[in-house]
Amino acid sequence: MTKSFLRTAVATVALLAAVPSVYAQDLILGLRAGPDSIDPHWSTLGSQAEALRHIYDTLVDVDEKLQLKPGLAVSWAPVDDTTWDFKLRQGVKFHDGSDFTAEDVKFSIERIPVVTGPMPMTLYTKYVDSVEIIDDYTIRIHTKGMAPALPNDFTRLFVVPSETGMEARNEEFNSGKAAIGTGPYKFVSWQPKGDLVLERFDDYWGGKAAWEKVIRREIADDAARVAALRSGEVDMINYVPASDYLAFKSNKDLETFVSDSVYILNIAPSVKDEEPQPITIDGKPVDGNPLQDLRVRKALDLAINRDVLVNVVLEGLGAPANQLMPEGFFGYSDKLGKREYDIDQAKSLLADAGYPNGFEIDFTCTNNRVPGDAVVCEALAQMWSRLGLKVNAQALNGTVFFPAAAREEYTMTMSAWGTLTGEAAYTYGALTHTKDADKGFGNFNRTGYSNPEFDKVFDKGTQTLDADKRKALYEEASYIAMEDRALIPTVILQTVWAADAGTLKITPRVDQETRAYEITPASAN
């Protein structure tokens, strides 16, 4: 949709706001990343979930502040310590006209471990032991021990029809054959790294969305995305780069929408006995893995000037991070103070560890996952050079980075992680817990980190129903992992969207999602 058309449409809406049919117009979004598959059970990436929730609904939903709200389930409650009942929404239709029932929920839960891709969705079903259908609109979940955060995990449980069949794979979804959900939009077509075209589903249980047609255009390059907005190729963009934010903010023809986010850029140092990529001195591999030494990890941490990262590198669009979750989240530890910048102490620790002149190390990051990831990557390499380190920084597209990271091919990485459930079990259970396939922990532990003290405290928290006691245990676990520098958090990111002034209205979300069905013409509000 051209900008002139959008302005005309908005003016029309202003005159006829009471008539829903005037919303029959197109919306073109310019987005930094799109899905890697149309199969909603393929990957946990935020860009994947953001795109596919237009087509598929989740059992539980969250508002813009990540507070739980009904989705395909209208209510949920524990039956006993290891059982949850979810009451399902009645009268819901799939895009093919079939009825949504408990059978579809059961099938979707059981399908996840069968088809999950490089970023395993089993993170969200790790507590599920078995699924029982009570009636067409009641599903009973039997869990592996206590699972107080089960409804939080189900905010990423996308539901597909049971008729999809376990054999369906990417090809059937990407062609559209299996791309059938209950969401506000129907699948029309998808070009990888290009356009995802969607058509409004008029029988959606939540009511008609404002836009008849939505095109989610993937434009990974920041400059190209900004140019697309300025030229009228798209109506709104996400992830306005920090370098353009101030100019956008002062331009009366443009409107920006800013939100804090849950995403934190974390450094992940491999502590395996043999690092995946060799750490060298004068071209020769060092004995052992220096990153196993806490003094080295602390030195890396102390050499990071987070204020510079926020105020200079990110142009103020962020805040220093001292742990893996934002302040106020369930399990955030108040005992962890601000991360200090002290290059002299960092050099002393490195010398004490036996590396007075540093070493050479590879450092691999994403370059299109979140705003600023590539520039923060380069800035960190420069900061560590003051320690005497030679850092080979490389920022890669997520399609390259994440599969290789899953194969644990990198010695030290940086990427963004968001605590999308608002509580510690989601993040620390995935990133810093010892890998435990039976419990479903350590799914995203790529570093080989394992601390029995952390695991003991964290595991006790997962089996504690009393919220205050569980919170205290998670806070203790957070403290242990962060003092141990299991991962090294750097900055919490802010997100900026932009559109022509006075054309669109959006409520920014802390999960950074751009949901077309939550965007409306500005004059219609």
Protein backbone atom coordinates (compact mmCIF):
# COMPACT_ATOMS: atom_id res chain seq x y z
CA MET A 1 0.00 0.00 0.00
CA THR A 2 1.40 3.39 -0.95
CA LYS A 3 1.51 6.17 1.61
CA SER A 4 -0.96 8.27 -0.35
CA PHE A 5 -3.40 5.37 -0.34
CA LEU A 6 -2.92 4.90 3.39
CA ARG A 7 -3.58 8.58 4.06
CA THR A 8 -6.77 8.38 1.97
CA ALA A 9 -7.84 5.25 3.79
CA VAL A 10 -7.21 6.84 7.17
CA ALA A 11 -9.19 9.92 6.17
CA THR A 12 -12.03 7.67 5.08
CA VAL A 13 -11.91 5.86 8.41
CA ALA A 14 -12.11 9.21 10.19
CA LEU A 15 -15.40 9.94 8.41
CA LEU A 16 -16.86 6.43 8.63
CA ALA A 17 -15.29 5.04 11.80
CA ALA A 18 -18.51 3.34 12.80
CA VAL A 19 -18.55 1.13 9.73
CA PRO A 20 -16.22 -1.89 10.11
CA SER A 21 -16.07 -2.56 6.37
CA VAL A 22 -14.03 0.60 5.72
CA TYR A 23 -11.06 -1.20 7.23
CA ALA A 24 -10.80 -3.35 4.09
CA GLN A 25 -7.32 -2.19 3.11
CA ASP A 26 -3.79 -3.48 2.93
CA LEU A 27 -0.99 -3.12 5.44
CA ILE A 28 2.63 -3.61 4.42
CA LEU A 29 5.15 -4.08 7.22
CA GLY A 30 8.91 -3.85 6.73
CA LEU A 31 10.47 -6.23 9.24
CA ARG A 32 14.04 -7.09 10.07
CA ALA A 33 13.37 -10.83 10.20
CA GLY A 34 10.66 -13.22 9.20
CA PRO A 35 9.93 -16.91 9.74
CA ASP A 36 12.28 -19.70 8.75
CA SER A 37 9.34 -22.03 8.21
CA ILE A 38 5.55 -21.85 8.28
CA ASP A 39 5.51 -24.84 10.62
CA PRO A 40 4.80 -23.30 14.06
CA HIS A 41 6.56 -26.17 15.84
CA TRP A 42 9.85 -25.78 13.97
CA SER A 43 11.70 -23.11 15.95
CA THR A 44 11.57 -21.03 19.13
CA LEU A 45 12.95 -17.87 17.49
CA GLY A 46 10.97 -14.77 18.35
CA SER A 47 10.70 -13.71 14.70
CA GLN A 48 9.21 -17.12 13.92
CA ALA A 49 6.58 -16.90 16.64
CA GLU A 50 5.78 -13.27 15.83
CA ALA A 51 4.99 -14.07 12.21
CA LEU A 52 3.15 -17.34 12.72
CA ARG A 53 0.82 -16.18 15.49
CA HIS A 54 -1.06 -14.36 12.71
CA ILE A 55 -1.99 -17.80 11.34
CA TYR A 56 -2.08 -19.95 14.49
CA ASP A 57 -3.31 -19.27 18.00
CA THR A 58 -1.57 -20.33 21.20
CA LEU A 59 -3.31 -22.06 24.07
CA VAL A 60 -2.50 -19.11 26.38
CA ASP A 61 -1.76 -15.58 25.18
CA VAL A 62 0.04 -12.59 26.70
CA ASP A 63 -0.64 -8.86 26.54
CA GLU A 64 1.91 -6.20 25.62
CA LYS A 65 3.46 -6.44 29.13
CA LEU A 66 3.61 -10.27 29.02
CA GLN A 67 0.73 -10.72 31.43
CA LEU A 68 -1.17 -13.95 30.80
CA LYS A 69 -4.56 -13.74 29.12
CA PRO A 70 -6.91 -16.27 27.51
CA GLY A 71 -6.08 -17.64 24.10
CA LEU A 72 -7.61 -20.87 22.86
CA ALA A 73 -7.91 -21.72 26.55
CA VAL A 74 -10.33 -19.50 28.44
CA SER A 75 -9.19 -20.66 31.89
CA TRP A 76 -6.76 -23.01 33.59
CA ALA A 77 -6.22 -24.35 37.09
CA PRO A 78 -4.19 -27.04 38.90
CA VAL A 79 -6.11 -30.16 39.88
CA ASP A 80 -3.32 -31.46 42.11
CA ASP A 81 0.47 -31.18 42.34
CA THR A 82 1.03 -32.85 38.97
CA THR A 83 -2.16 -32.14 37.04
CA TRP A 84 -3.56 -29.07 35.23
CA ASP A 85 -6.94 -28.64 33.56
CA PHE A 86 -7.41 -26.19 30.69
CA LYS A 87 -10.91 -25.18 29.64
CA LEU A 88 -11.03 -24.50 25.91
CA ARG A 89 -12.82 -21.84 23.92
CA GLN A 90 -15.94 -23.12 22.18
CA GLY A 91 -17.14 -22.12 18.73
CA VAL A 92 -13.63 -21.65 17.30
CA LYS A 93 -13.11 -22.52 13.64
CA PHE A 94 -9.98 -23.46 11.77
CA HIS A 95 -9.37 -21.72 8.46
CA ASP A 96 -10.70 -24.78 6.61
CA GLY A 97 -14.01 -24.53 8.47
CA SER A 98 -13.41 -27.46 10.86
CA ASP A 99 -14.11 -27.14 14.58
CA PHE A 100 -11.37 -26.64 17.15
CA THR A 101 -11.46 -29.22 19.98
CA ALA A 102 -9.28 -30.74 22.67
CA GLU A 103 -8.04 -33.36 20.18
CA ASP A 104 -6.17 -30.59 18.33
CA VAL A 105 -4.44 -29.44 21.51
CA LYS A 106 -3.39 -32.96 22.40
CA PHE A 107 -2.05 -33.54 18.90
CA SER A 108 -0.11 -30.26 18.88
CA ILE A 109 1.60 -31.02 22.21
CA GLU A 110 2.56 -34.50 21.11
CA ARG A 111 3.76 -33.28 17.70
CA ILE A 112 6.38 -30.86 19.05
CA PRO A 113 9.10 -33.40 19.98
CA VAL A 114 8.54 -35.19 16.67
CA VAL A 115 9.17 -32.26 14.31
CA THR A 116 11.11 -29.65 16.25
CA GLY A 117 13.94 -28.02 14.31
CA PRO A 118 17.29 -26.37 15.15
CA MET A 119 15.82 -24.30 18.03
CA PRO A 120 13.81 -26.99 19.84
CA MET A 121 10.24 -26.18 20.86
CA THR A 122 10.46 -28.85 23.55
CA LEU A 123 11.45 -25.95 25.80
CA TYR A 124 7.71 -25.29 26.13
CA THR A 125 6.54 -28.86 26.72
CA LYS A 126 9.35 -30.07 28.99
CA TYR A 127 7.02 -30.52 31.97
CA VAL A 128 4.38 -32.49 30.05
CA ASP A 129 4.22 -36.17 30.90
CA SER A 130 0.94 -37.05 29.20
CA VAL A 131 -2.19 -35.41 27.82
CA GLU A 132 -5.72 -36.57 28.61
CA ILE A 133 -8.91 -35.43 26.90
CA ILE A 134 -11.73 -35.01 29.43
CA ASP A 135 -14.25 -33.79 26.86
CA ASP A 136 -14.19 -31.78 23.62
CA TYR A 137 -13.39 -28.58 25.51
CA THR A 138 -11.37 -29.75 28.51
CA ILE A 139 -7.76 -30.90 28.28
CA ARG A 140 -5.92 -32.38 31.26
CA ILE A 141 -2.13 -32.17 31.41
CA HIS A 142 -0.24 -34.62 33.62
CA THR A 143 3.20 -33.22 34.44
CA LYS A 144 6.63 -34.54 35.34
CA GLY A 145 6.57 -33.39 38.94
CA MET A 146 5.20 -29.99 39.89
CA ALA A 147 4.89 -27.49 37.06
CA PRO A 148 3.72 -24.14 38.50
CA ALA A 149 4.77 -22.26 35.34
CA LEU A 150 2.96 -24.52 32.85
CA PRO A 151 0.49 -21.82 31.67
CA ASN A 152 3.47 -19.51 31.00
CA ASP A 153 5.10 -22.17 28.83
CA PHE A 154 1.87 -22.62 26.87
CA THR A 155 2.04 -19.04 25.62
CA ARG A 156 4.15 -20.59 22.85
CA LEU A 157 2.00 -23.69 22.33
CA PHE A 158 0.70 -23.13 18.80
CA VAL A 159 -2.27 -25.32 17.88
CA VAL A 160 -2.71 -27.01 14.51
CA PRO A 161 -5.50 -29.40 13.45
CA SER A 162 -5.09 -33.01 14.51
CA GLU A 163 -5.83 -33.93 10.88
CA THR A 164 -2.42 -32.42 9.98
CA GLY A 165 -0.84 -35.76 10.86
CA MET A 166 2.55 -36.47 12.39
CA GLU A 167 4.13 -36.99 9.01
CA ALA A 168 3.62 -33.37 7.86
CA ARG A 169 6.88 -31.45 7.55
CA ASN A 170 8.15 -28.07 6.36
CA GLU A 171 7.26 -28.66 2.71
CA GLU A 172 3.55 -29.08 3.45
CA PHE A 173 3.46 -26.00 5.67
CA ASN A 174 5.57 -23.79 3.42
CA SER A 175 3.42 -24.57 0.41
CA GLY A 176 0.31 -23.67 2.39
CA LYS A 177 -1.19 -27.17 2.27
CA ALA A 178 -0.79 -27.67 6.05
CA ALA A 179 -0.73 -23.98 7.02
CA ILE A 180 -4.15 -24.07 8.68
CA GLY A 181 -4.74 -22.41 12.02
CA THR A 182 -7.41 -20.58 13.99
CA GLY A 183 -5.62 -17.21 13.89
CA PRO A 184 -6.86 -13.84 12.62
CA TYR A 185 -5.22 -14.31 9.20
CA LYS A 186 -5.07 -17.08 6.62
CA PHE A 187 -1.90 -18.05 4.82
CA VAL A 188 -1.68 -16.96 1.17
CA SER A 189 1.98 -17.32 0.23
CA TRP A 190 5.51 -17.09 1.56
CA GLN A 191 8.86 -16.42 -0.03
CA PRO A 192 11.77 -17.23 2.31
CA LYS A 193 13.59 -13.99 3.19
CA GLY A 194 10.83 -12.18 1.31
CA ASP A 195 7.10 -11.63 1.70
CA LEU A 196 4.66 -13.49 3.92
CA VAL A 197 1.24 -12.67 2.47
CA LEU A 198 -1.82 -13.03 4.68
CA GLU A 199 -5.55 -12.65 4.14
CA ARG A 200 -8.01 -11.75 6.89
CA PHE A 201 -10.01 -14.63 8.39
CA ASP A 202 -13.47 -13.15 8.76
CA ASP A 203 -14.68 -15.96 11.05
CA TYR A 204 -11.94 -15.36 13.60
CA TRP A 205 -13.24 -15.88 17.14
CA GLY A 206 -11.65 -12.61 18.30
CA GLY A 207 -13.42 -10.48 15.68
CA LYS A 208 -12.26 -9.10 12.35
CA ALA A 209 -8.85 -7.48 12.18
CA ALA A 210 -8.58 -3.97 10.72
CA TRP A 211 -6.66 -5.03 7.61
CA GLU A 212 -8.04 -7.18 4.82
CA LYS A 213 -4.59 -8.09 3.56
CA VAL A 214 -1.24 -8.00 5.33
CA ILE A 215 2.19 -8.32 3.76
CA ARG A 216 5.04 -8.95 6.17
CA ARG A 217 8.12 -8.05 4.11
CA GLU A 218 11.47 -9.22 5.43
CA ILE A 219 14.09 -6.49 4.94
CA ALA A 220 17.11 -7.55 6.97
CA ASP A 221 19.34 -4.60 6.06
CA ASP A 222 18.67 -1.63 8.38
CA ALA A 223 19.39 1.02 5.74
CA ALA A 224 17.16 -0.69 3.20
CA ARG A 225 14.33 -0.97 5.72
CA VAL A 226 14.58 2.75 6.57
CA ALA A 227 14.64 3.59 2.85
CA ALA A 228 11.55 1.44 2.27
CA LEU A 229 9.61 3.51 4.82
CA ARG A 230 10.82 6.83 3.44
CA SER A 231 9.93 5.85 -0.12
CA GLY A 232 6.46 4.58 0.76
CA GLU A 233 7.22 0.96 -0.10
CA VAL A 234 6.05 -0.06 3.39
CA ASP A 235 3.70 1.49 5.93
CA MET A 236 5.61 0.68 9.11
CA ILE A 237 9.02 -0.69 10.02
CA ASN A 238 10.35 -2.30 13.16
CA TYR A 239 13.82 -2.12 14.69
CA VAL A 240 14.62 1.44 13.67
CA PRO A 241 18.43 1.48 14.01
CA ALA A 242 19.92 3.60 16.77
CA SER A 243 21.81 5.65 14.19
CA ASP A 244 18.51 6.83 12.66
CA TYR A 245 16.41 7.18 15.80
CA LEU A 246 17.18 10.81 16.69
CA ALA A 247 16.61 11.94 13.09
CA PHE A 248 13.31 10.06 12.98
CA LYS A 249 12.23 11.50 16.31
CA SER A 250 12.81 15.10 15.16
CA ASN A 251 11.11 14.59 11.78
CA LYS A 252 7.52 15.88 11.96
CA ASP A 253 6.53 13.69 9.02
CA LEU A 254 7.43 10.52 10.91
CA GLU A 255 6.16 9.00 14.13
CA THR A 256 8.16 6.65 16.33
CA PHE A 257 6.89 4.17 18.90
CA VAL A 258 9.38 3.12 21.60
CA SER A 259 9.22 0.30 24.12
CA ASP A 260 11.48 -1.36 26.64
CA SER A 261 12.00 -4.99 25.77
CA VAL A 262 12.75 -8.26 27.52
CA TYR A 263 15.69 -8.96 25.22
CA ILE A 264 19.22 -8.96 26.63
CA LEU A 265 22.43 -9.41 24.66
CA ASN A 266 24.32 -12.18 26.49
CA ILE A 267 27.87 -13.40 26.04
CA ALA A 268 28.21 -17.19 26.18
CA PRO A 269 31.76 -18.44 26.89
CA SER A 270 32.33 -22.14 26.26
CA VAL A 271 33.74 -23.85 29.36
CA LYS A 272 34.23 -27.26 27.78
CA ASP A 273 37.51 -29.07 28.32
CA GLU A 274 38.26 -28.55 24.65
CA GLU A 275 36.96 -25.32 23.21
CA PRO A 276 35.25 -25.66 19.78
CA GLN A 277 37.52 -23.03 18.20
CA PRO A 278 41.10 -22.96 19.52
CA ILE A 279 42.24 -20.14 21.80
CA THR A 280 45.82 -19.26 20.87
CA ILE A 281 48.91 -17.29 21.89
CA ASP A 282 51.29 -16.38 19.10
CA GLY A 283 49.42 -18.74 16.82
CA LYS A 284 49.77 -21.75 19.12
CA PRO A 285 46.83 -23.32 20.98
CA VAL A 286 46.99 -22.74 24.72
CA ASP A 287 46.95 -25.62 27.15
CA GLY A 288 43.44 -26.20 28.44
CA ASN A 289 40.55 -23.79 28.03
CA PRO A 290 41.15 -20.36 29.62
CA LEU A 291 37.39 -19.73 29.77
CA GLN A 292 37.06 -22.44 32.41
CA ASP A 293 38.85 -20.11 34.81
CA LEU A 294 36.40 -17.85 36.63
CA ARG A 295 39.09 -15.15 36.79
CA VAL A 296 39.15 -15.00 32.99
CA ARG A 297 35.36 -14.77 32.76
CA LYS A 298 35.34 -12.02 35.40
CA ALA A 299 38.05 -10.17 33.48
CA LEU A 300 35.93 -10.26 30.34
CA ASP A 301 33.00 -8.92 32.37
CA LEU A 302 34.96 -6.13 34.07
CA ALA A 303 36.35 -4.92 30.73
CA ILE A 304 32.86 -4.16 29.42
CA ASN A 305 31.81 -0.52 29.72
CA ARG A 306 28.04 -0.94 29.60
CA ASP A 307 27.37 2.79 29.85
CA VAL A 308 29.29 3.29 26.61
CA LEU A 309 27.40 0.44 24.97
CA VAL A 310 24.08 2.08 25.89
CA ASN A 311 24.81 5.76 25.43
CA VAL A 312 27.25 5.70 22.53
CA VAL A 313 26.87 2.45 20.61
CA LEU A 314 23.06 2.20 20.99
CA GLU A 315 22.36 5.95 21.09
CA GLY A 316 20.58 5.57 24.44
CA LEU A 317 18.20 2.83 23.27
CA GLY A 318 18.87 0.39 26.09
CA ALA A 319 20.03 -0.05 29.66
CA PRO A 320 22.93 -1.89 31.34
CA ALA A 321 22.10 -5.50 32.26
CA ASN A 322 23.37 -7.32 35.34
CA GLN A 323 21.52 -10.62 34.90
CA LEU A 324 19.56 -12.58 32.34
CA MET A 325 16.15 -11.04 33.09
CA PRO A 326 14.88 -7.47 33.47
CA GLU A 327 14.27 -6.08 36.93
CA GLY A 328 10.93 -7.07 38.41
CA PHE A 329 10.71 -10.45 36.71
CA PHE A 330 9.94 -13.49 38.86
CA GLY A 331 13.33 -14.65 40.13
CA TYR A 332 15.29 -11.44 39.51
CA SER A 333 17.96 -11.14 42.21
CA ASP A 334 18.29 -7.82 44.03
CA LYS A 335 21.58 -9.06 45.51
CA LEU A 336 23.32 -8.59 42.19
CA GLY A 337 24.49 -5.00 41.95
CA LYS A 338 25.46 -2.97 38.92
CA ARG A 339 28.19 -4.57 36.80
CA GLU A 340 31.27 -2.41 37.24
CA TYR A 341 33.74 -1.37 34.58
CA ASP A 342 37.29 -1.73 35.89
CA ILE A 343 39.92 -2.36 33.26
CA ASP A 344 42.79 -2.39 35.79
CA GLN A 345 41.16 -5.11 37.89
CA ALA A 346 40.36 -7.01 34.70
CA LYS A 347 44.02 -6.95 33.65
CA SER A 348 45.07 -8.08 37.12
CA LEU A 349 42.67 -11.04 37.06
CA LEU A 350 43.84 -12.05 33.61
CA ALA A 351 47.47 -11.93 34.74
CA ASP A 352 46.64 -13.95 37.87
CA ALA A 353 45.06 -16.57 35.61
CA GLY A 354 48.32 -16.85 33.68
CA TYR A 355 47.57 -14.65 30.68
CA PRO A 356 49.32 -11.32 31.35
CA ASN A 357 49.54 -10.58 27.62
CA GLY A 358 46.11 -11.94 26.75
CA PHE A 359 45.30 -14.44 24.00
CA GLU A 360 43.53 -14.68 20.64
CA ILE A 361 39.91 -15.81 20.59
CA ASP A 362 37.03 -16.08 18.11
CA PHE A 363 33.85 -14.23 19.02
CA THR A 364 30.71 -14.90 16.97
CA CYS A 365 27.47 -12.90 17.14
CA THR A 366 24.22 -12.41 15.28
CA ASN A 367 23.86 -9.45 12.94
CA ASN A 368 20.11 -9.43 12.33
CA ARG A 369 18.48 -10.87 15.46
CA VAL A 370 17.82 -7.62 17.34
CA PRO A 371 18.74 -3.93 16.94
CA GLY A 372 22.41 -3.23 17.55
CA ASP A 373 23.65 -6.80 17.86
CA ALA A 374 26.39 -6.37 15.23
CA VAL A 375 27.63 -2.98 16.49
CA VAL A 376 27.66 -4.19 20.11
CA CYS A 377 29.64 -7.22 18.96
CA GLU A 378 32.30 -5.02 17.39
CA ALA A 379 32.37 -2.65 20.37
CA LEU A 380 32.96 -5.56 22.76
CA ALA A 381 35.88 -6.77 20.66
CA GLN A 382 37.43 -3.31 20.90
CA MET A 383 36.88 -3.15 24.67
CA TRP A 384 38.52 -6.53 25.17
CA SER A 385 41.49 -5.43 23.08
CA ARG A 386 42.38 -3.17 26.01
CA LEU A 387 42.96 -6.37 27.98
CA GLY A 388 45.54 -7.44 25.44
CA LEU A 389 43.15 -9.87 23.76
CA LYS A 390 43.01 -10.28 20.02
CA VAL A 391 39.34 -10.83 19.34
CA ASN A 392 38.22 -12.12 15.96
CA ALA A 393 34.68 -10.77 15.95
CA GLN A 394 32.29 -12.06 13.33
CA ALA A 395 28.60 -11.13 13.09
CA LEU A 396 26.52 -13.63 11.11
CA ASN A 397 22.98 -13.87 9.83
CA GLY A 398 20.78 -15.88 12.15
CA THR A 399 20.20 -18.53 9.51
CA VAL A 400 23.91 -19.32 9.74
CA PHE A 401 24.54 -18.50 13.40
CA PHE A 402 21.78 -20.45 15.14
CA PRO A 403 22.19 -23.87 13.50
CA ALA A 404 25.97 -23.70 14.08
CA ALA A 405 25.42 -22.53 17.67
CA ALA A 406 23.04 -25.47 18.19
CA ARG A 407 25.84 -27.75 17.02
CA GLU A 408 28.07 -26.01 19.58
CA GLU A 409 30.66 -24.96 17.01
CA TYR A 410 31.60 -21.63 18.63
CA THR A 411 33.98 -20.88 21.50
CA MET A 412 32.36 -17.60 22.54
CA THR A 413 29.14 -16.09 21.23
CA MET A 414 26.72 -13.25 21.78
CA SER A 415 23.03 -13.28 20.94
CA ALA A 416 19.79 -12.00 22.41
CA TRP A 417 17.50 -13.89 24.75
CA GLY A 418 14.15 -12.71 26.04
CA THR A 419 12.39 -14.10 29.10
CA LEU A 420 9.09 -14.37 27.28
CA THR A 421 7.27 -16.07 30.15
CA GLY A 422 8.30 -13.45 32.71
CA GLU A 423 9.91 -15.92 35.11
CA ALA A 424 13.28 -17.49 35.79
CA ALA A 425 12.41 -21.12 35.08
CA TYR A 426 12.13 -20.34 31.37
CA THR A 427 15.52 -18.63 31.07
CA TYR A 428 17.83 -20.24 33.60
CA GLY A 429 16.35 -23.67 33.03
CA ALA A 430 17.17 -23.39 29.33
CA LEU A 431 20.49 -21.53 29.36
CA THR A 432 22.48 -22.36 32.51
CA HIS A 433 21.09 -25.61 33.92
CA THR A 434 23.15 -28.74 33.27
CA LYS A 435 21.84 -30.49 30.20
CA ASP A 436 19.20 -32.98 31.30
CA ALA A 437 17.06 -34.45 28.55
CA ASP A 438 14.81 -36.29 31.01
CA LYS A 439 13.90 -33.08 32.86
CA GLY A 440 13.96 -30.95 29.73
CA PHE A 441 16.58 -28.59 31.16
CA GLY A 442 19.63 -27.14 29.44
CA ASN A 443 17.98 -27.18 25.99
CA PHE A 444 19.94 -24.06 25.01
CA ASN A 445 23.02 -24.60 27.13
CA ARG A 446 25.66 -24.36 24.39
CA THR A 447 28.63 -23.68 26.67
CA GLY A 448 28.92 -26.90 28.65
CA TYR A 449 28.34 -24.98 31.91
CA SER A 450 27.37 -27.21 34.84
CA ASN A 451 27.15 -26.20 38.49
CA PRO A 452 25.63 -28.77 40.90
CA GLU A 453 24.92 -26.03 43.46
CA PHE A 454 22.89 -24.06 40.92
CA ASP A 455 21.05 -27.17 39.70
CA LYS A 456 20.10 -28.19 43.26
CA VAL A 457 18.61 -24.79 44.14
CA PHE A 458 16.91 -24.35 40.77
CA ASP A 459 15.42 -27.85 40.76
CA LYS A 460 14.00 -27.27 44.24
CA GLY A 461 12.35 -24.11 42.92
CA THR A 462 10.66 -25.96 40.08
CA GLN A 463 9.10 -28.35 42.63
CA THR A 464 7.85 -25.65 45.01
CA LEU A 465 4.23 -24.55 44.61
CA ASP A 466 4.39 -21.76 47.21
CA ALA A 467 5.04 -18.67 45.05
CA ASP A 468 7.08 -16.76 47.65
CA LYS A 469 9.33 -19.71 48.41
CA ARG A 470 9.75 -20.51 44.72
CA LYS A 471 10.64 -16.89 43.96
CA ALA A 472 13.31 -16.91 46.69
CA LEU A 473 14.83 -20.10 45.32
CA TYR A 474 14.92 -18.72 41.78
CA GLU A 475 16.55 -15.53 43.06
CA GLU A 476 19.23 -17.62 44.75
CA ALA A 477 19.77 -19.64 41.58
CA SER A 478 20.03 -16.44 39.52
CA TYR A 479 22.64 -15.11 41.91
CA ILE A 480 24.72 -18.30 41.73
CA ALA A 481 24.75 -18.43 37.92
CA MET A 482 25.54 -14.75 37.51
CA GLU A 483 28.31 -14.69 40.11
CA ASP A 484 29.76 -17.69 38.29
CA ARG A 485 29.55 -15.82 34.98
CA ALA A 486 27.78 -18.78 33.41
CA LEU A 487 26.72 -16.18 30.85
CA ILE A 488 27.68 -12.51 30.82
CA PRO A 489 24.76 -10.12 30.23
CA THR A 490 25.57 -6.78 28.59
CA VAL A 491 22.57 -4.59 27.75
CA ILE A 492 18.78 -4.71 27.79
CA LEU A 493 17.48 -3.45 24.46
CA GLN A 494 14.74 -1.00 23.59
CA THR A 495 12.72 -1.35 20.40
CA VAL A 496 11.60 1.39 18.01
CA TRP A 497 8.90 1.20 15.33
CA ALA A 498 8.22 4.00 12.84
CA ALA A 499 5.46 5.03 10.44
CA ASP A 500 4.25 8.14 8.69
CA ALA A 501 2.96 10.58 11.29
CA GLY A 502 -0.72 10.27 12.08
CA THR A 503 -1.36 7.15 10.00
CA LEU A 504 -1.15 4.15 12.33
CA LYS A 505 -1.62 3.31 15.96
CA ILE A 506 0.27 0.55 17.73
CA THR A 507 0.78 -0.34 21.37
CA PRO A 508 4.48 -1.28 21.61
CA ARG A 509 5.15 -4.68 23.13
CA VAL A 510 8.04 -5.64 25.42
CA ASP A 511 8.47 -8.89 23.47
CA GLN A 512 9.19 -6.72 20.38
CA GLU A 513 6.47 -8.44 18.36
CA THR A 514 4.78 -6.58 15.51
CA ARG A 515 1.26 -8.00 15.40
CA ALA A 516 -0.69 -6.67 12.42
CA TYR A 517 -4.00 -7.40 14.13
CA GLU A 518 -2.99 -5.06 16.98
CA ILE A 519 -2.28 -2.20 14.54
CA THR A 520 -5.12 0.09 13.46
CA PRO A 521 -5.54 3.23 11.36
CA ALA A 522 -4.78 6.14 13.69
CA SER A 523 -8.05 7.95 13.03
CA ALA A 524 -10.10 4.88 13.89
CA ASN A 525 -9.15 5.10 17.59
